[in-house]
Amino acid sequence: LIVKGPDQDAEAVYEGGLRMKGSFCLLRQDANLRVTEYHASEVREISVGNDFHMTFVPSASGRVIDFETDVLKTPAVQLAAQIEVPANVLTPLWADIVPAAEDTDGSYRVLEVSVGDAETRLVLDTDSFAVGLNSGSEAPGNAQLRRAFNYAFATGAILTIPYSYHGRPD
């Protein structure tokens, strides 16, 4: 069975006792219609009758409070939230940052997650977040470096990591 919803909070009930709250789920059933395997992306809950029921963390998100502007340093983003990655989530993880600069893809592979007291630091798979020179700037000095370039996103943007799961019911 393939079940598609508009977003991770959408809830729908289908024939045969199928219920889903989430974006996408693929269920494999045997000849007796028992679920033998599942794949769920951005899903909170999926069930089929009384025989199969799974709950998931559909995603994690946080507001960007800082990011590395130096092209010679590790491309990291600081979030004003603690991001917890469930142990059974599929990897690699991908992060979507919106809003992104015009003609810029705001999707990045997540290389590392470090959780602090009230923040999370993510190392993302890119050479730099700079996407071009700021048209009004001249050759930058160290104090003006951040203003000399246009970046793929700005502080205040929202970073979301959609989670996917795959497995067989117990």
C-alpha atoms as a PDB file:
ATOM      1  CA  LEU A   1       0.000   0.000   0.000  1.00  0.00           C
ATOM      2  CA  ILE A   2       1.176   3.510  -0.779  1.00  0.00           C
ATOM      3  CA  VAL A   3      -0.285   6.291   1.369  1.00  0.00           C
ATOM      4  CA  LYS A   4       0.423   9.971   0.670  1.00  0.00           C
ATOM      5  CA  GLY A   5      -0.708  12.910   2.774  1.00  0.00           C
ATOM      6  CA  PRO A   6      -0.157  16.639   2.223  1.00  0.00           C
ATOM      7  CA  ASP A   7       2.094  17.101   5.281  1.00  0.00           C
ATOM      8  CA  GLN A   8       3.247  15.475   8.517  1.00  0.00           C
ATOM      9  CA  ASP A   9       0.196  16.721  10.426  1.00  0.00           C
ATOM     10  CA  ALA A  10      -2.447  15.550   7.934  1.00  0.00           C
ATOM     11  CA  GLU A  11      -4.615  12.738   9.264  1.00  0.00           C
ATOM     12  CA  ALA A  12      -6.643  10.390   7.098  1.00  0.00           C
ATOM     13  CA  VAL A  13      -8.646   7.183   7.478  1.00  0.00           C
ATOM     14  CA  TYR A  14      -8.913   4.706   4.612  1.00  0.00           C
ATOM     15  CA  GLU A  15     -10.777   1.475   3.952  1.00  0.00           C
ATOM     16  CA  GLY A  16      -9.586  -1.664   5.673  1.00  0.00           C
ATOM     17  CA  GLY A  17      -8.820   0.154   8.928  1.00  0.00           C
ATOM     18  CA  LEU A  18      -5.812   2.020   7.532  1.00  0.00           C
ATOM     19  CA  ARG A  19      -5.057   5.280   9.375  1.00  0.00           C
ATOM     20  CA  MET A  20      -2.144   7.616   8.848  1.00  0.00           C
ATOM     21  CA  LYS A  21      -1.028  10.928  10.240  1.00  0.00           C
ATOM     22  CA  GLY A  22       1.829  12.134   8.074  1.00  0.00           C
ATOM     23  CA  SER A  23       3.276  12.642   4.615  1.00  0.00           C
ATOM     24  CA  PHE A  24       4.226   9.300   3.075  1.00  0.00           C
ATOM     25  CA  CYS A  25       4.128   5.630   3.960  1.00  0.00           C
ATOM     26  CA  LEU A  26       4.695   2.446   2.018  1.00  0.00           C
ATOM     27  CA  LEU A  27       3.379  -0.776   3.556  1.00  0.00           C
ATOM     28  CA  ARG A  28       4.028  -4.326   2.364  1.00  0.00           C
ATOM     29  CA  GLN A  29       1.356  -6.852   3.301  1.00  0.00           C
ATOM     30  CA  ASP A  30       1.285 -10.638   3.132  1.00  0.00           C
ATOM     31  CA  ALA A  31      -1.557 -12.762   1.717  1.00  0.00           C
ATOM     32  CA  ASN A  32      -3.466 -12.354   5.010  1.00  0.00           C
ATOM     33  CA  LEU A  33      -3.153  -8.532   4.761  1.00  0.00           C
ATOM     34  CA  ARG A  34      -0.752  -8.347   7.720  1.00  0.00           C
ATOM     35  CA  VAL A  35       1.933  -5.674   7.428  1.00  0.00           C
ATOM     36  CA  THR A  36       5.325  -7.322   6.936  1.00  0.00           C
ATOM     37  CA  GLU A  37       7.427  -4.253   6.133  1.00  0.00           C
ATOM     38  CA  TYR A  38       7.100  -0.472   6.245  1.00  0.00           C
ATOM     39  CA  HIS A  39       8.782   2.688   5.017  1.00  0.00           C
ATOM     40  CA  ALA A  40       7.595   5.963   6.556  1.00  0.00           C
ATOM     41  CA  SER A  41       8.723   9.520   5.752  1.00  0.00           C
ATOM     42  CA  GLU A  42       7.537  12.475   7.843  1.00  0.00           C
ATOM     43  CA  VAL A  43       4.926  10.260   9.511  1.00  0.00           C
ATOM     44  CA  ARG A  44       3.657  10.631  13.081  1.00  0.00           C
ATOM     45  CA  GLU A  45       1.489   7.530  13.211  1.00  0.00           C
ATOM     46  CA  ILE A  46       0.348   4.673  10.988  1.00  0.00           C
ATOM     47  CA  SER A  47      -1.965   1.781  11.802  1.00  0.00           C
ATOM     48  CA  VAL A  48      -3.887  -0.964  10.058  1.00  0.00           C
ATOM     49  CA  GLY A  49      -6.750  -2.324  12.137  1.00  0.00           C
ATOM     50  CA  ASN A  50      -5.651  -3.750  15.482  1.00  0.00           C
ATOM     51  CA  ASP A  51      -2.674  -5.711  14.102  1.00  0.00           C
ATOM     52  CA  PHE A  52      -0.227  -2.953  13.154  1.00  0.00           C
ATOM     53  CA  HIS A  53       0.499   0.350  14.864  1.00  0.00           C
ATOM     54  CA  MET A  54       3.664   2.462  14.735  1.00  0.00           C
ATOM     55  CA  THR A  55       4.472   5.964  15.977  1.00  0.00           C
ATOM     56  CA  PHE A  56       7.391   8.074  14.811  1.00  0.00           C
ATOM     57  CA  VAL A  57       9.017  11.470  15.235  1.00  0.00           C
ATOM     58  CA  PRO A  58       8.303  12.971  11.779  1.00  0.00           C
ATOM     59  CA  SER A  59      10.943  15.710  11.741  1.00  0.00           C
ATOM     60  CA  ALA A  60      12.958  18.198  13.751  1.00  0.00           C
ATOM     61  CA  SER A  61      13.315  21.910  13.175  1.00  0.00           C
ATOM     62  CA  GLY A  62      14.893  25.005  14.614  1.00  0.00           C
ATOM     63  CA  ARG A  63      15.581  28.652  13.882  1.00  0.00           C
ATOM     64  CA  VAL A  64      19.066  29.498  12.544  1.00  0.00           C
ATOM     65  CA  ILE A  65      20.763  31.825  15.042  1.00  0.00           C
ATOM     66  CA  ASP A  66      24.229  31.758  13.482  1.00  0.00           C
ATOM     67  CA  PHE A  67      26.206  30.119  10.695  1.00  0.00           C
ATOM     68  CA  GLU A  68      29.826  29.962   9.579  1.00  0.00           C
ATOM     69  CA  THR A  69      30.656  32.648   7.006  1.00  0.00           C
ATOM     70  CA  ASP A  70      34.376  31.870   6.655  1.00  0.00           C
ATOM     71  CA  VAL A  71      34.926  29.685   3.578  1.00  0.00           C
ATOM     72  CA  LEU A  72      38.050  28.204   5.180  1.00  0.00           C
ATOM     73  CA  LYS A  73      36.178  26.876   8.218  1.00  0.00           C
ATOM     74  CA  THR A  74      33.763  23.990   8.709  1.00  0.00           C
ATOM     75  CA  PRO A  75      30.323  24.876   7.258  1.00  0.00           C
ATOM     76  CA  ALA A  76      28.202  24.777  10.412  1.00  0.00           C
ATOM     77  CA  VAL A  77      24.802  26.131  11.407  1.00  0.00           C
ATOM     78  CA  GLN A  78      23.744  26.966  14.978  1.00  0.00           C
ATOM     79  CA  LEU A  79      20.054  26.421  15.857  1.00  0.00           C
ATOM     80  CA  ALA A  80      18.052  27.842  18.760  1.00  0.00           C
ATOM     81  CA  ALA A  81      16.652  24.392  19.544  1.00  0.00           C
ATOM     82  CA  GLN A  82      17.801  21.012  20.734  1.00  0.00           C
ATOM     83  CA  ILE A  83      17.533  18.567  17.836  1.00  0.00           C
ATOM     84  CA  GLU A  84      17.218  14.934  18.829  1.00  0.00           C
ATOM     85  CA  VAL A  85      17.768  12.351  16.121  1.00  0.00           C
ATOM     86  CA  PRO A  86      15.882   9.103  16.826  1.00  0.00           C
ATOM     87  CA  ALA A  87      18.162   6.054  16.872  1.00  0.00           C
ATOM     88  CA  ASN A  88      16.126   4.181  14.250  1.00  0.00           C
ATOM     89  CA  VAL A  89      15.942   6.995  11.669  1.00  0.00           C
ATOM     90  CA  LEU A  90      17.394   6.347   8.208  1.00  0.00           C
ATOM     91  CA  THR A  91      20.636   8.085   7.297  1.00  0.00           C
ATOM     92  CA  PRO A  92      22.057  10.134   5.737  1.00  0.00           C
ATOM     93  CA  LEU A  93      19.979  12.990   7.104  1.00  0.00           C
ATOM     94  CA  TRP A  94      19.120  16.000   4.964  1.00  0.00           C
ATOM     95  CA  ALA A  95      18.301  19.516   6.130  1.00  0.00           C
ATOM     96  CA  ASP A  96      16.046  21.994   4.343  1.00  0.00           C
ATOM     97  CA  ILE A  97      16.566  25.686   5.124  1.00  0.00           C
ATOM     98  CA  VAL A  98      13.851  28.222   4.236  1.00  0.00           C
ATOM     99  CA  PRO A  99      13.752  30.838   3.103  1.00  0.00           C
ATOM    100  CA  ALA A 100      16.762  30.313   0.844  1.00  0.00           C
ATOM    101  CA  ALA A 101      18.303  32.892  -1.455  1.00  0.00           C
ATOM    102  CA  GLU A 102      16.855  33.162  -4.955  1.00  0.00           C
ATOM    103  CA  ASP A 103      18.196  30.473  -7.319  1.00  0.00           C
ATOM    104  CA  THR A 104      19.676  28.634  -4.324  1.00  0.00           C
ATOM    105  CA  ASP A 105      18.867  25.113  -3.183  1.00  0.00           C
ATOM    106  CA  GLY A 106      18.442  25.208   0.593  1.00  0.00           C
ATOM    107  CA  SER A 107      18.938  21.434   1.006  1.00  0.00           C
ATOM    108  CA  TYR A 108      22.098  20.067   2.590  1.00  0.00           C
ATOM    109  CA  ARG A 109      23.273  16.652   3.747  1.00  0.00           C
ATOM    110  CA  VAL A 110      23.859  16.627   7.516  1.00  0.00           C
ATOM    111  CA  LEU A 111      27.349  15.404   8.414  1.00  0.00           C
ATOM    112  CA  GLU A 112      27.324  15.966  12.177  1.00  0.00           C
ATOM    113  CA  VAL A 113      24.861  16.862  14.929  1.00  0.00           C
ATOM    114  CA  SER A 114      26.086  18.288  18.268  1.00  0.00           C
ATOM    115  CA  VAL A 115      23.478  19.095  20.919  1.00  0.00           C
ATOM    116  CA  GLY A 116      24.192  21.672  23.635  1.00  0.00           C
ATOM    117  CA  ASP A 117      22.149  23.016  26.552  1.00  0.00           C
ATOM    118  CA  ALA A 118      19.619  24.943  24.458  1.00  0.00           C
ATOM    119  CA  GLU A 119      21.154  24.836  20.991  1.00  0.00           C
ATOM    120  CA  THR A 120      22.211  22.433  18.259  1.00  0.00           C
ATOM    121  CA  ARG A 121      25.190  22.725  15.934  1.00  0.00           C
ATOM    122  CA  LEU A 122      24.930  21.020  12.544  1.00  0.00           C
ATOM    123  CA  VAL A 123      27.832  20.505  10.166  1.00  0.00           C
ATOM    124  CA  LEU A 124      26.446  20.487   6.630  1.00  0.00           C
ATOM    125  CA  ASP A 125      27.893  19.077   3.405  1.00  0.00           C
ATOM    126  CA  THR A 126      28.836  22.187   1.441  1.00  0.00           C
ATOM    127  CA  ASP A 127      31.992  24.131   0.727  1.00  0.00           C
ATOM    128  CA  SER A 128      30.469  27.426   1.829  1.00  0.00           C
ATOM    129  CA  PHE A 129      27.144  29.130   2.475  1.00  0.00           C
ATOM    130  CA  ALA A 130      28.306  32.122   0.378  1.00  0.00           C
ATOM    131  CA  VAL A 131      26.473  32.318  -2.963  1.00  0.00           C
ATOM    132  CA  GLY A 132      28.080  35.438  -4.419  1.00  0.00           C
ATOM    133  CA  LEU A 133      29.509  38.861  -3.761  1.00  0.00           C
ATOM    134  CA  ASN A 134      27.274  41.532  -2.333  1.00  0.00           C
ATOM    135  CA  SER A 135      26.890  43.966  -5.235  1.00  0.00           C
ATOM    136  CA  GLY A 136      27.544  47.012  -3.041  1.00  0.00           C
ATOM    137  CA  SER A 137      30.724  45.729  -1.414  1.00  0.00           C
ATOM    138  CA  GLU A 138      34.387  46.162  -2.219  1.00  0.00           C
ATOM    139  CA  ALA A 139      37.252  43.870  -1.257  1.00  0.00           C
ATOM    140  CA  PRO A 140      36.397  42.872   2.317  1.00  0.00           C
ATOM    141  CA  GLY A 141      38.407  43.413   5.444  1.00  0.00           C
ATOM    142  CA  ASN A 142      38.002  40.959   8.314  1.00  0.00           C
ATOM    143  CA  ALA A 143      35.362  43.095  10.069  1.00  0.00           C
ATOM    144  CA  GLN A 144      33.297  43.404   6.887  1.00  0.00           C
ATOM    145  CA  LEU A 145      33.542  39.795   5.714  1.00  0.00           C
ATOM    146  CA  ARG A 146      29.949  38.841   6.563  1.00  0.00           C
ATOM    147  CA  ARG A 147      28.581  41.870   4.675  1.00  0.00           C
ATOM    148  CA  ALA A 148      30.809  41.310   1.616  1.00  0.00           C
ATOM    149  CA  PHE A 149      28.939  38.209   0.456  1.00  0.00           C
ATOM    150  CA  ASN A 150      25.392  37.073  -0.163  1.00  0.00           C
ATOM    151  CA  TYR A 151      24.532  33.831   1.588  1.00  0.00           C
ATOM    152  CA  ALA A 152      22.207  30.937   0.825  1.00  0.00           C
ATOM    153  CA  PHE A 153      20.094  31.886   3.868  1.00  0.00           C
ATOM    154  CA  ALA A 154      20.095  34.333   6.762  1.00  0.00           C
ATOM    155  CA  THR A 155      19.813  34.105  10.526  1.00  0.00           C
ATOM    156  CA  GLY A 156      16.167  33.631  11.404  1.00  0.00           C
ATOM    157  CA  ALA A 157      15.639  31.048   8.641  1.00  0.00           C
ATOM    158  CA  ILE A 158      14.024  27.748   9.654  1.00  0.00           C
ATOM    159  CA  LEU A 159      15.977  24.514   9.258  1.00  0.00           C
ATOM    160  CA  THR A 160      13.960  21.282   9.088  1.00  0.00           C
ATOM    161  CA  ILE A 161      15.257  17.719   9.058  1.00  0.00           C
ATOM    162  CA  PRO A 162      12.591  15.320   7.739  1.00  0.00           C
ATOM    163  CA  TYR A 163      12.923  11.819   9.219  1.00  0.00           C
ATOM    164  CA  SER A 164      12.391   8.512   7.413  1.00  0.00           C
ATOM    165  CA  TYR A 165      12.101   5.014   8.859  1.00  0.00           C
ATOM    166  CA  HIS A 166      12.189   1.499   7.419  1.00  0.00           C
ATOM    167  CA  GLY A 167      11.647  -1.811   9.102  1.00  0.00           C
ATOM    168  CA  ARG A 168       9.564  -4.861   9.864  1.00  0.00           C
ATOM    169  CA  PRO A 169       7.031  -4.968  12.688  1.00  0.00           C
ATOM    170  CA  ASP A 170       7.925  -7.073  15.734  1.00  0.00           C
END
